[in-house]
């Protein structure tokens, strides 16, 4: 069994930062960049996080759904 990756676990927590917290949009975007660089997120999905990075209360997941991109990412988020 593989060792849990503490960095990935930390980034997962950050990409799931609750909406509305100060700087949460930027926090989610930085964590999304981590997953993008690992090949675990599409460029289209990352772009939504970028667009929401200055909007702490904006839910990137709803925009991802509306745009019809990031189906794999949405499934991963839903699985927790």
N, C-alpha and C. Protein backbone atom coordinates (compact mmCIF):
# COMPACT_ATOMS: atom_id res chain seq x y z
N UNK A 1 0.83 -1.18 0.00
CA UNK A 1 0.00 0.00 0.00
C UNK A 1 0.89 1.25 0.00
N UNK A 2 0.55 2.22 -0.84
CA UNK A 2 1.35 3.43 -0.97
C UNK A 2 1.18 4.32 0.26
N UNK A 3 2.27 4.99 0.58
CA UNK A 3 2.23 5.96 1.68
C UNK A 3 1.35 7.14 1.29
N UNK A 4 0.55 7.67 2.21
CA UNK A 4 -0.24 8.86 1.90
C UNK A 4 0.71 10.03 1.62
N UNK A 5 0.35 10.84 0.66
CA UNK A 5 1.16 11.99 0.27
C UNK A 5 0.70 13.21 1.08
N UNK A 6 1.49 13.64 2.07
CA UNK A 6 1.05 14.75 2.92
C UNK A 6 0.85 16.05 2.13
N UNK A 7 1.67 16.30 1.12
CA UNK A 7 1.50 17.52 0.31
C UNK A 7 0.18 17.49 -0.44
N UNK A 8 -0.15 16.36 -1.05
CA UNK A 8 -1.41 16.24 -1.78
C UNK A 8 -2.60 16.41 -0.82
N UNK A 9 -2.49 15.84 0.37
CA UNK A 9 -3.56 15.97 1.36
C UNK A 9 -3.75 17.43 1.77
N UNK A 10 -2.65 18.15 1.95
CA UNK A 10 -2.75 19.57 2.31
C UNK A 10 -3.38 20.37 1.17
N UNK A 11 -2.96 20.11 -0.06
CA UNK A 11 -3.51 20.82 -1.20
C UNK A 11 -4.99 20.50 -1.41
N UNK A 12 -5.37 19.26 -1.12
CA UNK A 12 -6.78 18.87 -1.22
C UNK A 12 -7.62 19.69 -0.23
N UNK A 13 -7.12 19.83 0.99
CA UNK A 13 -7.83 20.65 1.98
C UNK A 13 -7.93 22.09 1.51
N UNK A 14 -6.87 22.61 0.92
CA UNK A 14 -6.86 24.00 0.46
C UNK A 14 -7.80 24.23 -0.73
N UNK A 15 -7.86 23.29 -1.66
CA UNK A 15 -8.75 23.46 -2.82
C UNK A 15 -10.21 23.40 -2.38
N UNK A 16 -10.44 22.85 -1.21
CA UNK A 16 -11.80 22.77 -0.64
C UNK A 16 -12.05 23.83 0.43
N UNK A 17 -11.24 24.89 0.44
CA UNK A 17 -11.44 25.98 1.40
C UNK A 17 -12.86 26.53 1.25
N UNK A 18 -13.56 26.72 2.35
CA UNK A 18 -14.94 27.22 2.28
C UNK A 18 -15.05 28.57 1.58
N UNK A 19 -16.13 28.73 0.87
CA UNK A 19 -16.42 29.99 0.19
C UNK A 19 -16.58 31.11 1.21
N UNK A 20 -16.20 32.31 0.82
CA UNK A 20 -16.45 33.49 1.63
C UNK A 20 -15.36 33.84 2.62
N UNK A 21 -14.43 32.94 2.88
CA UNK A 21 -13.33 33.28 3.78
C UNK A 21 -12.38 34.22 3.05
N UNK A 22 -11.78 35.14 3.79
CA UNK A 22 -10.82 36.06 3.18
C UNK A 22 -9.71 35.29 2.48
N UNK A 23 -9.41 35.69 1.26
CA UNK A 23 -8.37 35.09 0.42
C UNK A 23 -8.66 33.64 0.01
N UNK A 24 -9.87 33.17 0.22
CA UNK A 24 -10.17 31.78 -0.10
C UNK A 24 -10.13 31.51 -1.60
N UNK A 25 -10.50 32.47 -2.41
CA UNK A 25 -10.44 32.28 -3.86
C UNK A 25 -9.01 32.06 -4.33
N UNK A 26 -8.10 32.85 -3.80
CA UNK A 26 -6.68 32.72 -4.16
C UNK A 26 -6.12 31.40 -3.63
N UNK A 27 -6.56 31.02 -2.45
CA UNK A 27 -6.12 29.76 -1.86
C UNK A 27 -6.55 28.58 -2.72
N UNK A 28 -7.83 28.60 -3.14
CA UNK A 28 -8.33 27.51 -3.99
C UNK A 28 -7.58 27.48 -5.33
N UNK A 29 -7.29 28.66 -5.90
CA UNK A 29 -6.59 28.71 -7.18
C UNK A 29 -5.17 28.16 -7.05
N UNK A 30 -4.47 28.54 -5.99
CA UNK A 30 -3.11 28.03 -5.79
C UNK A 30 -3.12 26.51 -5.66
N UNK A 31 -4.08 25.98 -4.93
CA UNK A 31 -4.17 24.53 -4.78
C UNK A 31 -4.57 23.88 -6.11
N UNK A 32 -5.45 24.52 -6.86
CA UNK A 32 -5.84 23.99 -8.17
C UNK A 32 -4.63 23.91 -9.09
N UNK A 33 -3.76 24.91 -9.03
CA UNK A 33 -2.53 24.90 -9.84
C UNK A 33 -1.68 23.68 -9.50
N UNK A 34 -1.63 23.32 -8.23
CA UNK A 34 -0.90 22.13 -7.81
C UNK A 34 -1.45 20.89 -8.53
N UNK A 35 -2.77 20.73 -8.52
CA UNK A 35 -3.37 19.55 -9.15
C UNK A 35 -3.24 19.60 -10.68
N UNK A 36 -3.29 20.78 -11.24
CA UNK A 36 -3.09 20.93 -12.69
C UNK A 36 -1.67 20.49 -13.07
N UNK A 37 -0.70 20.95 -12.32
CA UNK A 37 0.70 20.61 -12.62
C UNK A 37 0.96 19.12 -12.48
N UNK A 38 0.19 18.45 -11.66
CA UNK A 38 0.32 17.00 -11.51
C UNK A 38 -0.46 16.23 -12.57
N UNK A 39 -1.16 16.96 -13.44
CA UNK A 39 -1.94 16.32 -14.49
C UNK A 39 -3.28 15.80 -14.02
N UNK A 40 -3.76 16.31 -12.88
CA UNK A 40 -4.99 15.83 -12.29
C UNK A 40 -6.17 16.77 -12.52
N UNK A 41 -5.94 17.84 -13.29
CA UNK A 41 -6.98 18.82 -13.57
C UNK A 41 -6.73 19.37 -14.97
N UNK A 42 -7.81 19.59 -15.71
CA UNK A 42 -7.67 20.14 -17.06
C UNK A 42 -7.39 21.64 -17.02
N UNK A 43 -6.87 22.15 -18.12
CA UNK A 43 -6.61 23.59 -18.24
C UNK A 43 -7.90 24.39 -18.14
N UNK A 44 -8.99 23.86 -18.70
CA UNK A 44 -10.28 24.55 -18.65
C UNK A 44 -10.79 24.69 -17.21
N UNK A 45 -10.58 23.64 -16.43
CA UNK A 45 -10.99 23.67 -15.03
C UNK A 45 -10.13 24.64 -14.24
N UNK A 46 -8.82 24.61 -14.47
CA UNK A 46 -7.92 25.55 -13.81
C UNK A 46 -8.30 26.98 -14.14
N UNK A 47 -8.69 27.25 -15.37
CA UNK A 47 -9.08 28.60 -15.78
C UNK A 47 -10.26 29.11 -14.95
N UNK A 48 -11.19 28.24 -14.63
CA UNK A 48 -12.32 28.65 -13.79
C UNK A 48 -11.82 29.06 -12.40
N UNK A 49 -10.91 28.29 -11.84
CA UNK A 49 -10.36 28.65 -10.54
C UNK A 49 -9.61 29.99 -10.63
N UNK A 50 -8.93 30.23 -11.75
CA UNK A 50 -8.24 31.50 -11.94
C UNK A 50 -9.24 32.65 -11.97
N UNK A 51 -10.31 32.48 -12.72
CA UNK A 51 -11.33 33.52 -12.82
C UNK A 51 -11.97 33.82 -11.47
N UNK A 52 -12.08 32.82 -10.63
CA UNK A 52 -12.71 32.98 -9.31
C UNK A 52 -11.70 33.38 -8.23
N UNK A 53 -10.44 33.50 -8.57
CA UNK A 53 -9.42 33.68 -7.54
C UNK A 53 -9.57 34.97 -6.73
N UNK A 54 -10.15 36.00 -7.32
CA UNK A 54 -10.34 37.26 -6.58
C UNK A 54 -11.75 37.39 -6.02
N UNK A 55 -12.55 36.36 -6.22
CA UNK A 55 -13.95 36.38 -5.79
C UNK A 55 -14.15 35.30 -4.72
N UNK A 56 -13.88 35.67 -3.49
CA UNK A 56 -13.87 34.69 -2.41
C UNK A 56 -15.21 33.96 -2.22
N UNK A 57 -16.30 34.59 -2.61
CA UNK A 57 -17.62 33.98 -2.42
C UNK A 57 -18.13 33.23 -3.65
N UNK A 58 -17.39 33.28 -4.74
CA UNK A 58 -17.83 32.64 -5.99
C UNK A 58 -17.46 31.16 -5.97
N UNK A 59 -18.42 30.31 -6.27
CA UNK A 59 -18.19 28.86 -6.27
C UNK A 59 -17.67 28.41 -7.63
N UNK A 60 -16.40 28.04 -7.72
CA UNK A 60 -15.87 27.59 -9.00
C UNK A 60 -16.54 26.32 -9.51
N UNK A 61 -17.00 25.49 -8.59
CA UNK A 61 -17.62 24.22 -9.01
C UNK A 61 -18.91 24.45 -9.78
N UNK A 62 -19.68 25.43 -9.40
CA UNK A 62 -20.92 25.70 -10.14
C UNK A 62 -20.60 26.22 -11.54
N UNK A 63 -19.55 27.00 -11.68
CA UNK A 63 -19.16 27.50 -13.01
C UNK A 63 -18.61 26.35 -13.85
N UNK A 64 -17.84 25.48 -13.23
CA UNK A 64 -17.32 24.31 -13.95
C UNK A 64 -18.48 23.48 -14.48
N UNK A 65 -19.50 23.27 -13.65
CA UNK A 65 -20.69 22.52 -14.09
C UNK A 65 -21.38 23.25 -15.24
N UNK A 66 -21.59 24.56 -15.09
CA UNK A 66 -22.27 25.35 -16.13
C UNK A 66 -21.54 25.30 -17.47
N UNK A 67 -20.23 25.30 -17.42
CA UNK A 67 -19.43 25.27 -18.65
C UNK A 67 -19.31 23.87 -19.25
N UNK A 68 -19.67 22.86 -18.47
CA UNK A 68 -19.58 21.49 -18.96
C UNK A 68 -18.16 20.98 -19.10
N UNK A 69 -17.25 21.52 -18.28
CA UNK A 69 -15.86 21.08 -18.29
C UNK A 69 -15.56 20.40 -16.97
N UNK A 70 -14.42 19.74 -16.90
CA UNK A 70 -13.96 19.20 -15.63
C UNK A 70 -14.81 18.10 -15.02
N UNK A 71 -15.42 17.27 -15.84
CA UNK A 71 -16.27 16.21 -15.31
C UNK A 71 -15.49 15.27 -14.38
N UNK A 72 -14.24 14.97 -14.73
CA UNK A 72 -13.41 14.12 -13.87
C UNK A 72 -13.13 14.81 -12.54
N UNK A 73 -12.88 16.12 -12.59
CA UNK A 73 -12.62 16.86 -11.37
C UNK A 73 -13.86 16.92 -10.48
N UNK A 74 -14.99 17.16 -11.09
CA UNK A 74 -16.25 17.20 -10.31
C UNK A 74 -16.52 15.85 -9.64
N UNK A 75 -16.23 14.77 -10.35
CA UNK A 75 -16.42 13.43 -9.76
C UNK A 75 -15.46 13.22 -8.60
N UNK A 76 -14.26 13.71 -8.74
CA UNK A 76 -13.28 13.57 -7.65
C UNK A 76 -13.70 14.38 -6.43
N UNK A 77 -14.19 15.59 -6.65
CA UNK A 77 -14.66 16.42 -5.55
C UNK A 77 -15.85 15.74 -4.84
N UNK A 78 -16.76 15.20 -5.63
CA UNK A 78 -17.95 14.54 -5.06
C UNK A 78 -17.56 13.31 -4.23
N UNK A 79 -16.51 12.62 -4.66
CA UNK A 79 -16.06 11.42 -3.95
C UNK A 79 -15.34 11.79 -2.65
N UNK A 80 -14.88 13.04 -2.58
CA UNK A 80 -14.22 13.50 -1.35
C UNK A 80 -12.83 13.08 -1.32
